């Protein structure tokens, strides 16, 4: 069995980390350390389509928060 054939039969789950970054992981395996399932499982393409729809801001959460904080501080200094 080739890698492509094996991959086609694999069910994946969408996982997210503390920085709100998404990935996919084989559903029959425990989520990797630091990642948790978001409740979406399916084929690789279904999971990737889900991620494309929900992950609209690729910046890590810590960067988004820092940029918001900086923008707030700049607005207050004007």
PDB file of N, CA and C in Angstrom:
ATOM      1  N   UNK A   1       0.855  -1.184   0.000  1.00  0.00           N
ATOM      2  CA  UNK A   1       0.000   0.000   0.000  1.00  0.00           C
ATOM      3  C   UNK A   1       0.894   1.238   0.000  1.00  0.00           C
ATOM      4  N   UNK A   2       0.612   2.162  -0.888  1.00  0.00           N
ATOM      5  CA  UNK A   2       1.417   3.382  -0.963  1.00  0.00           C
ATOM      6  C   UNK A   2       0.975   4.366   0.120  1.00  0.00           C
ATOM      7  N   UNK A   3       1.817   5.360   0.361  1.00  0.00           N
ATOM      8  CA  UNK A   3       1.518   6.395   1.358  1.00  0.00           C
ATOM      9  C   UNK A   3       0.216   7.110   1.016  1.00  0.00           C
ATOM     10  N   UNK A   4       0.012   7.432  -0.281  1.00  0.00           N
ATOM     11  CA  UNK A   4      -1.211   8.127  -0.702  1.00  0.00           C
ATOM     12  C   UNK A   4      -2.448   7.301  -0.416  1.00  0.00           C
ATOM     13  N   UNK A   5      -2.369   5.992  -0.677  1.00  0.00           N
ATOM     14  CA  UNK A   5      -3.526   5.128  -0.419  1.00  0.00           C
ATOM     15  C   UNK A   5      -3.809   5.035   1.071  1.00  0.00           C
ATOM     16  N   UNK A   6      -2.759   4.929   1.860  1.00  0.00           N
ATOM     17  CA  UNK A   6      -2.935   4.866   3.311  1.00  0.00           C
ATOM     18  C   UNK A   6      -3.519   6.170   3.834  1.00  0.00           C
ATOM     19  N   UNK A   7      -3.046   7.296   3.321  1.00  0.00           N
ATOM     20  CA  UNK A   7      -3.520   8.608   3.753  1.00  0.00           C
ATOM     21  C   UNK A   7      -4.994   8.809   3.404  1.00  0.00           C
ATOM     22  N   UNK A   8      -5.421   8.303   2.253  1.00  0.00           N
ATOM     23  CA  UNK A   8      -6.823   8.458   1.840  1.00  0.00           C
ATOM     24  C   UNK A   8      -7.777   7.769   2.796  1.00  0.00           C
ATOM     25  N   UNK A   9      -7.351   6.684   3.403  1.00  0.00           N
ATOM     26  CA  UNK A   9      -8.212   5.947   4.321  1.00  0.00           C
ATOM     27  C   UNK A   9      -8.129   6.431   5.753  1.00  0.00           C
ATOM     28  N   UNK A  10      -7.302   7.414   6.023  1.00  0.00           N
ATOM     29  CA  UNK A  10      -7.109   7.917   7.379  1.00  0.00           C
ATOM     30  C   UNK A  10      -8.155   8.968   7.724  1.00  0.00           C
ATOM     31  N   UNK A  11      -8.706   8.864   8.915  1.00  0.00           N
ATOM     32  CA  UNK A  11      -9.591   9.905   9.431  1.00  0.00           C
ATOM     33  C   UNK A  11      -8.732  10.828  10.286  1.00  0.00           C
ATOM     34  N   UNK A  12      -8.900  12.115  10.061  1.00  0.00           N
ATOM     35  CA  UNK A  12      -8.129  13.124  10.787  1.00  0.00           C
ATOM     36  C   UNK A  12      -9.038  13.905  11.716  1.00  0.00           C
ATOM     37  N   UNK A  13      -8.425  14.552  12.672  1.00  0.00           N
ATOM     38  CA  UNK A  13      -9.127  15.486  13.536  1.00  0.00           C
ATOM     39  C   UNK A  13      -8.373  16.811  13.501  1.00  0.00           C
ATOM     40  N   UNK A  14      -9.107  17.890  13.622  1.00  0.00           N
ATOM     41  CA  UNK A  14      -8.496  19.220  13.647  1.00  0.00           C
ATOM     42  C   UNK A  14      -8.096  19.515  15.084  1.00  0.00           C
ATOM     43  N   UNK A  15      -6.868  19.979  15.249  1.00  0.00           N
ATOM     44  CA  UNK A  15      -6.353  20.328  16.576  1.00  0.00           C
ATOM     45  C   UNK A  15      -5.911  21.785  16.570  1.00  0.00           C
ATOM     46  N   UNK A  16      -5.877  22.370  17.778  1.00  0.00           N
ATOM     47  CA  UNK A  16      -5.490  23.766  17.942  1.00  0.00           C
ATOM     48  C   UNK A  16      -4.557  23.858  19.143  1.00  0.00           C
ATOM     49  N   UNK A  17      -3.615  24.800  19.103  1.00  0.00           N
ATOM     50  CA  UNK A  17      -2.711  24.975  20.239  1.00  0.00           C
ATOM     51  C   UNK A  17      -3.043  26.263  20.994  1.00  0.00           C
ATOM     52  N   UNK A  18      -2.269  26.581  22.012  1.00  0.00           N
ATOM     53  CA  UNK A  18      -2.543  27.751  22.855  1.00  0.00           C
ATOM     54  C   UNK A  18      -2.389  29.071  22.098  1.00  0.00           C
ATOM     55  N   UNK A  19      -1.725  29.055  20.963  1.00  0.00           N
ATOM     56  CA  UNK A  19      -1.574  30.259  20.131  1.00  0.00           C
ATOM     57  C   UNK A  19      -2.674  30.350  19.064  1.00  0.00           C
ATOM     58  N   UNK A  20      -3.671  29.453  19.158  1.00  0.00           N
ATOM     59  CA  UNK A  20      -4.788  29.385  18.214  1.00  0.00           C
ATOM     60  C   UNK A  20      -4.313  29.110  16.790  1.00  0.00           C
ATOM     61  N   UNK A  21      -3.296  28.254  16.671  1.00  0.00           N
ATOM     62  CA  UNK A  21      -2.820  27.775  15.388  1.00  0.00           C
ATOM     63  C   UNK A  21      -3.413  26.395  15.174  1.00  0.00           C
ATOM     64  N   UNK A  22      -3.848  26.110  13.952  1.00  0.00           N
ATOM     65  CA  UNK A  22      -4.530  24.863  13.642  1.00  0.00           C
ATOM     66  C   UNK A  22      -3.625  23.892  12.912  1.00  0.00           C
ATOM     67  N   UNK A  23      -3.965  22.611  13.064  1.00  0.00           N
ATOM     68  CA  UNK A  23      -3.291  21.545  12.334  1.00  0.00           C
ATOM     69  C   UNK A  23      -4.243  20.358  12.268  1.00  0.00           C
ATOM     70  N   UNK A  24      -3.828  19.323  11.537  1.00  0.00           N
ATOM     71  CA  UNK A  24      -4.600  18.088  11.527  1.00  0.00           C
ATOM     72  C   UNK A  24      -3.747  16.977  12.111  1.00  0.00           C
ATOM     73  N   UNK A  25      -4.422  15.965  12.661  1.00  0.00           N
ATOM     74  CA  UNK A  25      -3.751  14.869  13.329  1.00  0.00           C
ATOM     75  C   UNK A  25      -4.584  13.612  13.113  1.00  0.00           C
ATOM     76  N   UNK A  26      -3.949  12.463  12.935  1.00  0.00           N
ATOM     77  CA  UNK A  26      -4.737  11.238  12.783  1.00  0.00           C
ATOM     78  C   UNK A  26      -5.680  11.050  13.975  1.00  0.00           C
ATOM     79  N   UNK A  27      -6.941  10.797  13.689  1.00  0.00           N
ATOM     80  CA  UNK A  27      -7.964  10.733  14.736  1.00  0.00           C
ATOM     81  C   UNK A  27      -7.760   9.564  15.685  1.00  0.00           C
ATOM     82  N   UNK A  28      -7.088   8.535  15.230  1.00  0.00           N
ATOM     83  CA  UNK A  28      -6.897   7.364  16.090  1.00  0.00           C
ATOM     84  C   UNK A  28      -5.692   7.505  17.021  1.00  0.00           C
ATOM     85  N   UNK A  29      -5.039   8.652  16.987  1.00  0.00           N
ATOM     86  CA  UNK A  29      -3.886   8.898  17.860  1.00  0.00           C
ATOM     87  C   UNK A  29      -4.226   9.998  18.852  1.00  0.00           C
ATOM     88  N   UNK A  30      -3.602   9.950  20.000  1.00  0.00           N
ATOM     89  CA  UNK A  30      -3.786  10.994  21.012  1.00  0.00           C
ATOM     90  C   UNK A  30      -3.226  12.307  20.473  1.00  0.00           C
ATOM     91  N   UNK A  31      -3.908  13.394  20.748  1.00  0.00           N
ATOM     92  CA  UNK A  31      -3.422  14.702  20.291  1.00  0.00           C
ATOM     93  C   UNK A  31      -2.022  14.943  20.822  1.00  0.00           C
ATOM     94  N   UNK A  32      -1.176  15.597  20.019  1.00  0.00           N
ATOM     95  CA  UNK A  32       0.178  15.868  20.493  1.00  0.00           C
ATOM     96  C   UNK A  32       0.154  16.836  21.686  1.00  0.00           C
ATOM     97  N   UNK A  33       1.198  16.778  22.485  1.00  0.00           N
ATOM     98  CA  UNK A  33       1.320  17.625  23.665  1.00  0.00           C
ATOM     99  C   UNK A  33       1.188  19.099  23.270  1.00  0.00           C
ATOM    100  N   UNK A  34       0.318  19.817  23.960  1.00  0.00           N
ATOM    101  CA  UNK A  34       0.120  21.235  23.688  1.00  0.00           C
ATOM    102  C   UNK A  34      -0.979  21.520  22.680  1.00  0.00           C
ATOM    103  N   UNK A  35      -1.625  20.492  22.176  1.00  0.00           N
ATOM    104  CA  UNK A  35      -2.691  20.635  21.193  1.00  0.00           C
ATOM    105  C   UNK A  35      -3.946  19.966  21.733  1.00  0.00           C
ATOM    106  N   UNK A  36      -5.114  20.479  21.326  1.00  0.00           N
ATOM    107  CA  UNK A  36      -6.377  19.862  21.723  1.00  0.00           C
ATOM    108  C   UNK A  36      -7.303  19.811  20.516  1.00  0.00           C
ATOM    109  N   UNK A  37      -8.155  18.812  20.495  1.00  0.00           N
ATOM    110  CA  UNK A  37      -9.112  18.651  19.402  1.00  0.00           C
ATOM    111  C   UNK A  37     -10.172  19.751  19.474  1.00  0.00           C
ATOM    112  N   UNK A  38     -10.624  20.207  18.309  1.00  0.00           N
ATOM    113  CA  UNK A  38     -11.659  21.245  18.268  1.00  0.00           C
ATOM    114  C   UNK A  38     -13.039  20.671  17.964  1.00  0.00           C
ATOM    115  N   UNK A  39     -13.113  19.368  17.694  1.00  0.00           N
ATOM    116  CA  UNK A  39     -14.407  18.738  17.453  1.00  0.00           C
ATOM    117  C   UNK A  39     -14.717  18.475  15.998  1.00  0.00           C
ATOM    118  N   UNK A  40     -13.783  18.718  15.108  1.00  0.00           N
ATOM    119  CA  UNK A  40     -13.983  18.458  13.679  1.00  0.00           C
ATOM    120  C   UNK A  40     -13.106  17.290  13.264  1.00  0.00           C
ATOM    121  N   UNK A  41     -13.708  16.257  12.697  1.00  0.00           N
ATOM    122  CA  UNK A  41     -12.977  15.112  12.167  1.00  0.00           C
ATOM    123  C   UNK A  41     -13.505  14.798  10.786  1.00  0.00           C
ATOM    124  N   UNK A  42     -12.684  14.126   9.996  1.00  0.00           N
ATOM    125  CA  UNK A  42     -13.096  13.722   8.658  1.00  0.00           C
ATOM    126  C   UNK A  42     -11.881  13.383   7.816  1.00  0.00           C
ATOM    127  N   UNK A  43     -12.070  13.426   6.519  1.00  0.00           N
ATOM    128  CA  UNK A  43     -10.957  13.174   5.616  1.00  0.00           C
ATOM    129  C   UNK A  43      -9.951  14.320   5.730  1.00  0.00           C
ATOM    130  N   UNK A  44      -8.779  14.098   5.187  1.00  0.00           N
ATOM    131  CA  UNK A  44      -7.762  15.144   5.225  1.00  0.00           C
ATOM    132  C   UNK A  44      -8.293  16.420   4.576  1.00  0.00           C
ATOM    133  N   UNK A  45      -8.921  16.299   3.427  1.00  0.00           N
ATOM    134  CA  UNK A  45      -9.419  17.475   2.720  1.00  0.00           C
ATOM    135  C   UNK A  45     -10.532  18.174   3.493  1.00  0.00           C
ATOM    136  N   UNK A  46     -11.435  17.401   4.110  1.00  0.00           N
ATOM    137  CA  UNK A  46     -12.507  18.008   4.905  1.00  0.00           C
ATOM    138  C   UNK A  46     -11.918  18.816   6.057  1.00  0.00           C
ATOM    139  N   UNK A  47     -10.906  18.272   6.714  1.00  0.00           N
ATOM    140  CA  UNK A  47     -10.277  18.982   7.831  1.00  0.00           C
ATOM    141  C   UNK A  47      -9.541  20.227   7.347  1.00  0.00           C
ATOM    142  N   UNK A  48      -8.835  20.112   6.232  1.00  0.00           N
ATOM    143  CA  UNK A  48      -8.131  21.281   5.689  1.00  0.00           C
ATOM    144  C   UNK A  48      -9.117  22.356   5.248  1.00  0.00           C
ATOM    145  N   UNK A  49     -10.241  21.955   4.668  1.00  0.00           N
ATOM    146  CA  UNK A  49     -11.271  22.928   4.280  1.00  0.00           C
ATOM    147  C   UNK A  49     -11.830  23.650   5.506  1.00  0.00           C
ATOM    148  N   UNK A  50     -12.041  22.897   6.584  1.00  0.00           N
ATOM    149  CA  UNK A  50     -12.528  23.498   7.827  1.00  0.00           C
ATOM    150  C   UNK A  50     -11.533  24.532   8.345  1.00  0.00           C
ATOM    151  N   UNK A  51     -10.263  24.153   8.377  1.00  0.00           N
ATOM    152  CA  UNK A  51      -9.230  25.078   8.856  1.00  0.00           C
ATOM    153  C   UNK A  51      -9.193  26.330   7.996  1.00  0.00           C
ATOM    154  N   UNK A  52      -9.285  26.165   6.690  1.00  0.00           N
ATOM    155  CA  UNK A  52      -9.268  27.331   5.795  1.00  0.00           C
ATOM    156  C   UNK A  52     -10.429  28.275   6.090  1.00  0.00           C
ATOM    157  N   UNK A  53     -11.583  27.714   6.452  1.00  0.00           N
ATOM    158  CA  UNK A  53     -12.763  28.534   6.726  1.00  0.00           C
ATOM    159  C   UNK A  53     -12.673  29.262   8.068  1.00  0.00           C
ATOM    160  N   UNK A  54     -12.079  28.625   9.085  1.00  0.00           N
ATOM    161  CA  UNK A  54     -12.100  29.224  10.427  1.00  0.00           C
ATOM    162  C   UNK A  54     -10.822  29.959  10.804  1.00  0.00           C
ATOM    163  N   UNK A  55      -9.705  29.626  10.196  1.00  0.00           N
ATOM    164  CA  UNK A  55      -8.425  30.242  10.574  1.00  0.00           C
ATOM    165  C   UNK A  55      -8.162  31.407   9.632  1.00  0.00           C
ATOM    166  N   UNK A  56      -8.816  32.512   9.916  1.00  0.00           N
ATOM    167  CA  UNK A  56      -8.757  33.667   9.016  1.00  0.00           C
ATOM    168  C   UNK A  56      -7.620  34.619   9.351  1.00  0.00           C
ATOM    169  N   UNK A  57      -7.059  34.509  10.532  1.00  0.00           N
ATOM    170  CA  UNK A  57      -5.945  35.359  10.937  1.00  0.00           C
ATOM    171  C   UNK A  57      -4.799  34.436  11.353  1.00  0.00           C
ATOM    172  N   UNK A  58      -3.781  34.351  10.524  1.00  0.00           N
ATOM    173  CA  UNK A  58      -2.701  33.395  10.730  1.00  0.00           C
ATOM    174  C   UNK A  58      -1.722  33.818  11.836  1.00  0.00           C
ATOM    175  N   UNK A  59      -1.846  35.039  12.327  1.00  0.00           N
ATOM    176  CA  UNK A  59      -0.922  35.493  13.367  1.00  0.00           C
ATOM    177  C   UNK A  59      -1.178  34.721  14.658  1.00  0.00           C
ATOM    178  N   UNK A  60      -0.114  34.339  15.372  1.00  0.00           N
ATOM    179  CA  UNK A  60      -0.303  33.687  16.668  1.00  0.00           C
ATOM    180  C   UNK A  60      -1.061  34.607  17.625  1.00  0.00           C
ATOM    181  N   UNK A  61      -1.788  34.016  18.547  1.00  0.00           N
ATOM    182  CA  UNK A  61      -2.594  34.778  19.510  1.00  0.00           C
ATOM    183  C   UNK A  61      -1.759  35.799  20.267  1.00  0.00           C
ATOM    184  N   UNK A  62      -0.560  35.421  20.699  1.00  0.00           N
ATOM    185  CA  UNK A  62       0.272  36.358  21.466  1.00  0.00           C
ATOM    186  C   UNK A  62       0.637  37.591  20.638  1.00  0.00           C
ATOM    187  N   UNK A  63       0.877  37.420  19.358  1.00  0.00           N
ATOM    188  CA  UNK A  63       1.184  38.554  18.487  1.00  0.00           C
ATOM    189  C   UNK A  63      -0.043  39.439  18.299  1.00  0.00           C
ATOM    190  N   UNK A  64      -1.207  38.828  18.099  1.00  0.00           N
ATOM    191  CA  UNK A  64      -2.440  39.619  17.937  1.00  0.00           C
ATOM    192  C   UNK A  64      -2.703  40.455  19.186  1.00  0.00           C
ATOM    193  N   UNK A  65      -2.537  39.844  20.361  1.00  0.00           N
ATOM    194  CA  UNK A  65      -2.764  40.572  21.614  1.00  0.00           C
ATOM    195  C   UNK A  65      -1.778  41.727  21.765  1.00  0.00           C
ATOM    196  N   UNK A  66      -0.515  41.479  21.446  1.00  0.00           N
ATOM    197  CA  UNK A  66       0.513  42.521  21.543  1.00  0.00           C
ATOM    198  C   UNK A  66       0.198  43.679  20.592  1.00  0.00           C
ATOM    199  N   UNK A  67      -0.204  43.358  19.380  1.00  0.00           N
ATOM    200  CA  UNK A  67      -0.521  44.402  18.410  1.00  0.00           C
ATOM    201  C   UNK A  67      -1.739  45.213  18.850  1.00  0.00           C
ATOM    202  N   UNK A  68      -2.741  44.541  19.433  1.00  0.00           N
ATOM    203  CA  UNK A  68      -3.915  45.249  19.952  1.00  0.00           C
ATOM    204  C   UNK A  68      -3.519  46.167  21.106  1.00  0.00           C
ATOM    205  N   UNK A  69      -2.652  45.659  21.981  1.00  0.00           N
ATOM    206  CA  UNK A  69      -2.178  46.454  23.118  1.00  0.00           C
ATOM    207  C   UNK A  69      -1.417  47.689  22.629  1.00  0.00           C
ATOM    208  N   UNK A  70      -0.538  47.492  21.649  1.00  0.00           N
ATOM    209  CA  UNK A  70       0.225  48.609  21.097  1.00  0.00           C
ATOM    210  C   UNK A  70      -0.692  49.640  20.449  1.00  0.00           C
ATOM    211  N   UNK A  71      -1.702  49.181  19.731  1.00  0.00           N
ATOM    212  CA  UNK A  71      -2.642  50.096  19.070  1.00  0.00           C
ATOM    213  C   UNK A  71      -3.438  50.881  20.105  1.00  0.00           C
ATOM    214  N   UNK A  72      -3.835  50.235  21.193  1.00  0.00           N
ATOM    215  CA  UNK A  72      -4.558  50.915  22.255  1.00  0.00           C
ATOM    216  C   UNK A  72      -3.696  51.971  22.908  1.00  0.00           C
ATOM    217  N   UNK A  73      -2.439  51.641  23.175  1.00  0.00           N
ATOM    218  CA  UNK A  73      -1.510  52.595  23.794  1.00  0.00           C
ATOM    219  C   UNK A  73      -1.254  53.781  22.867  1.00  0.00           C
ATOM    220  N   UNK A  74      -1.148  53.539  21.575  1.00  0.00           N
ATOM    221  CA  UNK A  74      -0.916  54.630  20.618  1.00  0.00           C
ATOM    222  C   UNK A  74      -2.137  55.539  20.558  1.00  0.00           C
ATOM    223  N   UNK A  75      -3.323  54.941  20.630  1.00  0.00           N
ATOM    224  CA  UNK A  75      -4.558  55.723  20.603  1.00  0.00           C
ATOM    225  C   UNK A  75      -4.720  56.588  21.835  1.00  0.00           C
ATOM    226  N   UNK A  76      -4.226  56.109  22.958  1.00  0.00           N
ATOM    227  CA  UNK A  76      -4.332  56.868  24.205  1.00  0.00           C
ATOM    228  C   UNK A  76      -3.307  57.997  24.273  1.00  0.00           C
ATOM    229  N   UNK A  77      -2.207  57.854  23.537  1.00  0.00           N
ATOM    230  CA  UNK A  77      -1.167  58.887  23.593  1.00  0.00           C
ATOM    231  C   UNK A  77      -1.424  60.021  22.614  1.00  0.00           C
ATOM    232  N   UNK A  78      -2.430  59.912  21.809  1.00  0.00           N
ATOM    233  CA  UNK A  78      -2.733  60.974  20.837  1.00  0.00           C
ATOM    234  C   UNK A  78      -3.616  62.032  21.414  1.00  0.00           C
TER     235      UNK A  78
END
